[in-house]
Amino acid sequence: MGTVQSTFTRKMPPLAVRCLMGVAMFGVAGPIIRILDWLGRAPSFAASMAERRQRAAAARNPLQTYTPTSHDVFVAAHVKSGTNWMMQIAHQLAFHGDGEYDHIHSVVAWPDVAMMGPMNHYAIPIDDPSVWMASPEKKRIIKTHLDWNWLPYSEDARYLIVIRDPKDVFVSSYFFFVKNGPLSFTKFSVETWLEIFLSAGMGVWSSWPVNTAGYWAQRHRKNVLIVPFNAMKRDLRDTVRRVADFMGVRAGDEVIDRVCEKASFAYMKRIDDKFRAWEMIPWKSTAAPMMRKGSQADSSELLTLEQQRRIDEHFMSELQRLGSDFPYEEFCEISPGLKATA
C-alpha cells in the first residue's frame, strides 16, 4: 500500500511562538506553581484551572458541527488509556495491515487539538478525505479523549472505546506529563500529582470516572464497542479479530497476522517517534516516549498500597455518585482489602 499521500502537512508553530511558550512555562508558570505546591495549594489551583479550561473548551468543541458518516471510526479513551494502541489497530485494519505513515497524526484525525492552543497543524483535519479514500475499507480513524456527550453521534459511524485501570492511567500520566513531558516544569511530586488526578481532569479533558461513566452508559448501542485494556494485553489477536468484525473489515488470517505484528508493543516501541508529540520548547525536551511499558496492574512501581487503595475507593465512590453501574472489578485490579466492598 505504501505511505498515504495527502495534501495535509504537519507543521510546527513558529520558533518565536515556541520560545515564548518555553519562557512562559519554565520562566513564569514553573516558579509560581512550585510556590503554590509548597503552600499546598497546587491541587486546588489545578482543579480550578481544569474546570475553567473545560468550560471554555465546551464552547469551542470542534466536533459540535461535525456530522459523522459510515466512513468514521472514533477511537475514544481517557488520556493515557491505550488510545494510540487502539488507533494503530484500527488504522492497520483499515489498510489490511499495510498502513504506513510518517506520523500517526498524518493519517488519524485528532479534533481535540483545536482546543489546545497553537497546534492547528498537528493532526490531519477530520474533513480531509485523502486517507479514508485510499483505504481498502474506506474507513477514517478519529482519535478523541472527549466525553461521550461531547461526541457527535450517528448510527452510521462506529465508536471504539478503551477503558483502563485508573491506577495504571495515573502511573502512565505521571511519566508522560510530569516526569518526562510537557508538565516537567512543575516538578510535581507523585503525591501532588495524585491529588490533582483525584480532584481534576487533565487539561481540557474530564476526570476518569466522568469519562468512564459516560462511555459505559453507551455499551448497548450496536455501533459501540467497549474494550478493556486488560483484555488487549491478555489476548491481542482476539482483540484485533473483535475490532475487525466490529469495523466490518474483511480480514483473513494473513491480515490479522500483519495487524497483530504492527500492533505489538515491540513493533510500536521501535517506531515510537511516529507517535510522539512535538518538541514544543526549543531548548528543553517535553516529548515523552509514548510507548514506555504498556503494562497493566503494575502501579506499584510508583504508588504505595495505600495510594492504590485511595484511587480505587475514590473512583468507585465517584462512579456510584454518578449513578453508573460500571463493573469496576472487571476492568481494574482492585487493591487488596477492597474486593469485599467493591
Foldseek 3Di string as FASTA:
>chain_A
DDEFDFPADQDFDDPVVLQVVCCCLQVPVLVVLLVCVVVVNNLVVLAVQQVVLQVVCLVVLVQPPDDDALQEEEEEEAPQQCSVLVVLLVLLLQQLLPYDYLAPQQQEAESSVVSVPPRPRVHDHPPGQRNLVPGPLSHHYYYYHAAPVSHHDDLSYAYEYEYAAVLSSLVLCCVQQDVAADNVSNVDASVSSLSNLLNAGDRNHTHRLRRVLRLVVCCPRLRYDYDFLVVCVVDVLVVSVVVCVSSVGPHDPVSSVSSCVCSDLVNCQVVQVSHWGDQSHPPGRRTGGSRDPSDGPPSVVRDDLVSQQVVVVSSVVVNVVVVGPPPSVVRHVHRPPCPVVD
